[in-house]
Protein backbone atom coordinates (compact mmCIF):
# COMPACT_ATOMS: atom_id res chain seq x y z
CA MET A 1 -8.21 99.77 46.50
CA SER A 2 -6.91 100.89 50.20
CA ILE A 3 -3.94 103.48 50.56
CA MET A 4 -1.85 100.41 51.85
CA LYS A 5 -2.69 98.15 49.54
CA GLU A 6 -1.89 100.48 46.81
CA GLN A 7 1.65 100.83 48.30
CA GLU A 8 2.02 97.11 48.23
CA HIS A 9 0.83 97.08 44.82
CA GLN A 10 3.43 100.17 43.98
CA GLU A 11 6.18 98.08 45.86
CA GLU A 12 5.84 94.95 43.93
CA HIS A 13 6.12 96.98 40.61
CA MET A 14 8.64 99.26 41.84
CA PRO A 15 12.62 98.17 40.16
CA LYS A 16 14.72 96.57 42.98
CA GLU A 17 17.27 99.37 42.47
CA GLU A 18 14.66 101.73 44.11
CA GLN A 19 13.51 99.13 46.59
CA ASP A 20 16.87 98.78 47.97
CA GLN A 21 17.28 102.55 48.27
CA GLN A 22 14.47 103.10 50.15
CA GLN A 23 15.38 100.57 52.69
CA SER A 24 15.36 101.86 56.27
CA PRO A 25 18.66 103.64 58.13
CA GLN A 26 18.04 100.75 60.52
CA ASP A 27 18.55 98.23 57.79
CA ALA A 28 21.57 100.21 56.15
CA ALA A 29 23.55 100.31 59.26
CA GLU A 30 23.38 96.70 60.10
CA PRO A 31 26.04 95.73 57.66
CA MET A 32 28.47 98.43 59.11
CA GLU A 33 27.68 96.90 62.65
CA ASN A 34 28.47 93.49 61.12
CA ILE A 35 31.84 94.84 59.93
CA GLU A 36 32.88 96.42 63.33
CA SER A 37 31.86 93.23 64.95
CA VAL A 38 34.43 91.54 62.71
CA GLU A 39 37.13 93.99 63.59
CA VAL A 40 36.73 93.43 66.73
CA SER A 41 36.69 89.74 66.62
CA GLU A 42 40.23 90.33 65.04
CA GLU A 43 41.73 91.36 68.11
CA ASP A 44 42.67 87.72 69.04
CA PRO A 45 44.64 87.23 72.26
CA ARG A 46 47.30 85.66 70.56
CA ILE A 47 48.52 88.73 69.01
CA ALA A 48 49.22 90.33 72.19
CA GLU A 49 51.09 87.13 73.11
CA LEU A 50 53.30 87.19 70.32
CA GLN A 51 53.80 90.97 70.37
CA LYS A 52 55.02 90.47 74.42
CA ALA A 53 57.24 87.63 73.18
CA LEU A 54 58.75 89.97 70.65
CA ASP A 55 59.27 92.51 73.03
CA ASP A 56 61.12 90.06 75.49
CA SER A 57 63.39 88.73 72.60
CA GLN A 58 64.44 92.26 71.81
CA ARG A 59 65.17 92.85 75.43
CA GLN A 60 67.07 89.78 75.37
CA VAL A 61 68.93 90.57 72.09
CA GLU A 62 70.01 94.00 73.65
CA LYS A 63 71.08 92.56 77.02
CA LEU A 64 73.30 89.97 74.90
CA ARG A 65 74.59 92.90 72.79
CA GLU A 66 75.53 94.80 75.94
CA ASP A 67 77.26 91.70 77.57
CA LEU A 68 79.38 91.15 74.26
CA VAL A 69 80.40 94.81 74.39
CA ARG A 70 81.60 94.54 77.90
CA TYR A 71 82.94 91.06 77.60
CA ALA A 72 85.30 92.70 74.41
CA ALA A 73 86.04 95.49 76.67
CA ASP A 74 87.34 93.15 79.26
CA PHE A 75 89.37 90.90 77.11
CA GLU A 76 91.34 94.36 75.79
CA ASN A 77 91.99 95.19 78.93
CA PHE A 78 93.46 91.92 79.81
CA ARG A 79 95.28 91.49 76.60
CA LYS A 80 96.83 94.98 77.26
CA GLN A 81 97.69 94.40 80.69
CA LYS A 82 99.34 91.09 79.77
CA GLU A 83 101.43 92.75 76.84
CA ARG A 84 102.41 95.63 79.61
CA GLU A 85 103.58 92.86 82.05
CA ALA A 86 105.36 91.21 79.35
CA ARG A 87 107.17 93.96 78.40
CA VAL A 88 108.06 95.19 82.04
CA ALA A 89 109.54 91.68 82.74
CA GLY A 90 111.75 91.99 79.54
CA GLU A 91 113.04 95.12 80.55
CA ARG A 92 113.64 94.12 84.01
CA ALA A 93 115.49 90.83 82.50
CA VAL A 94 117.68 93.11 80.17
CA GLU A 95 118.11 95.46 83.00
CA ASN A 96 119.16 92.52 85.54
CA LEU A 97 121.41 91.25 82.81
CA MET A 98 123.28 94.71 82.10
CA ARG A 99 123.97 95.00 85.93
CA GLU A 100 125.61 91.72 85.73
CA ILE A 101 128.00 92.76 83.07
CA LEU A 102 128.81 96.02 84.60
CA PRO A 103 131.46 94.81 87.06
CA VAL A 104 133.11 92.61 83.84
CA VAL A 105 133.44 96.34 82.51
CA ASP A 106 134.81 97.60 85.49
CA ASP A 107 137.80 94.93 85.56
CA VAL A 108 138.42 95.59 81.92
CA ASP A 109 138.72 99.17 82.71
CA ARG A 110 140.85 98.69 85.47
CA VAL A 111 143.26 96.45 83.42
CA MET A 112 143.34 99.22 81.01
CA GLN A 113 144.19 102.08 83.63
CA HIS A 114 146.79 100.52 85.64
CA SER A 115 148.52 98.05 83.41
CA ALA A 116 148.27 99.25 79.81
CA ALA A 117 150.67 102.28 80.08
CA THR A 118 153.41 99.48 81.82
CA LEU A 119 152.56 96.52 79.47
CA SER A 120 152.91 98.36 76.39
CA ASN A 121 156.53 99.16 76.84
CA SER A 122 156.96 95.35 76.59
CA ASP A 123 157.09 93.87 73.07
CA GLN A 124 155.96 90.75 74.63
CA ALA A 125 152.88 92.28 76.47
CA ARG A 126 151.92 94.37 73.68
CA PRO A 127 149.36 91.65 71.77
CA PHE A 128 147.88 91.27 75.65
CA VAL A 129 147.23 94.76 75.84
CA GLU A 130 145.90 94.98 72.38
CA GLY A 131 143.56 92.17 73.16
CA VAL A 132 142.28 93.72 75.94
CA GLU A 133 141.77 96.98 74.35
CA LEU A 134 139.68 94.96 71.35
CA LEU A 135 137.69 93.08 74.25
CA ARG A 136 136.74 96.18 75.53
CA LYS A 137 135.91 98.07 72.33
CA ASN A 138 133.49 94.95 71.65
CA LEU A 139 131.81 94.74 74.84
CA MET A 140 130.96 98.80 74.93
CA ASN A 141 129.94 98.17 71.24
CA TRP A 142 127.56 95.44 72.50
CA LEU A 143 126.43 97.44 75.71
CA ASP A 144 125.78 100.18 73.11
CA LYS A 145 123.34 97.96 70.98
CA LYS A 146 121.24 97.00 74.16
CA GLY A 147 121.01 100.83 75.17
CA VAL A 148 123.56 101.09 77.60
CA LYS A 149 125.30 104.49 77.68
CA LYS A 150 128.12 105.75 79.98
CA ILE A 151 127.01 108.80 81.96
CA GLU A 152 129.11 111.59 81.75
CA ALA A 153 130.77 112.66 85.06
CA GLN A 154 134.38 114.18 84.74
CA GLY A 155 133.72 118.17 84.76
CA GLN A 156 130.34 118.05 84.92
CA LYS A 157 128.26 119.85 87.43
CA MET A 158 127.09 117.47 90.53
CA ASP A 159 123.65 115.69 89.67
CA VAL A 160 122.02 113.57 92.19
CA ASN A 161 120.17 111.92 89.43
CA PHE A 162 123.33 110.48 87.90
CA HIS A 163 126.03 111.14 90.34
CA GLU A 164 126.82 109.75 93.97
CA ALA A 165 129.23 111.97 95.84
CA ILE A 166 131.47 109.63 97.83
CA THR A 167 133.74 112.73 99.17
CA GLN A 168 134.56 116.42 98.66
CA LEU A 169 137.70 117.86 98.25
CA ASP A 170 139.07 121.37 97.99
CA HIS A 171 140.22 122.12 94.13
CA PRO A 172 141.49 125.59 93.36
CA ASP A 173 140.67 125.37 89.82
CA ALA A 174 137.04 124.13 89.90
CA GLU A 175 133.80 125.51 90.86
CA PRO A 176 132.05 124.09 93.64
CA ASP A 177 130.14 120.93 93.38
CA THR A 178 131.89 120.13 90.26
CA VAL A 179 133.15 116.35 89.62
CA ILE A 180 136.59 116.58 89.66
CA GLU A 181 137.21 112.73 89.63
CA GLU A 182 135.35 109.79 88.80
CA TYR A 183 135.60 106.95 90.91
CA GLN A 184 133.62 104.31 89.33
CA ALA A 185 131.92 104.93 86.10
CA GLY A 186 127.75 105.27 85.77
CA TYR A 187 125.87 103.52 83.15
CA MET A 188 122.10 104.20 82.02
CA LEU A 189 119.78 101.65 80.04
CA GLY A 190 117.81 104.01 77.76
CA GLU A 191 116.44 106.63 80.26
CA LYS A 192 116.73 104.70 83.34
CA VAL A 193 119.83 104.71 85.68
CA LEU A 194 121.43 101.55 86.05
CA ARG A 195 123.98 102.52 88.49
CA HIS A 196 125.35 106.15 89.34
CA SER A 197 128.58 107.55 88.71
CA LYS A 198 130.44 107.46 91.98
CA VAL A 199 132.31 110.80 92.12
CA VAL A 200 134.58 113.14 93.93
CA VAL A 201 133.21 116.50 94.15
CA SER A 202 134.93 120.23 94.70
CA LYS A 203 133.89 122.00 97.93
């Protein structure tokens, strides 16, 4: 029997496991090549398209989020501006109302200064004087509740922030630039001057 026939005879009677182990390297590499070809085939173009669509969606979501934050900030600024405008308008309305009432206060003060001493000596006029005093008291209480305060002037150092000098006079008992007479009372609304006190100042 020739050598080739003897090898064929041996392979025919060799167990299958040993035959598999004796396969050539080329035959063993074929399954790996098939696996790689399968993996490559899984790189479907649709995956890239889906990834691109996902990235686009994420960018759109981020843009919408930024827009929402900006709109919320704009709305908050708008709300604060309207609140500020409403507050300023309310303060201006109160300020104008107080200025309109001040002449009434002046009239009541003049009645008290020039007529009270004379009328109080008359029994018939006393109820009138008491009525005027009560009116002034109630009026000043109302102004006080609204935040209106009388500016102190008599005997104070002249202050252009609160006083308006209408004239200057020599006064032996007063230091220079001292208020020696109040011609018209001044008032403040909170920290704001409604009307400066008109005063006479010593030289």
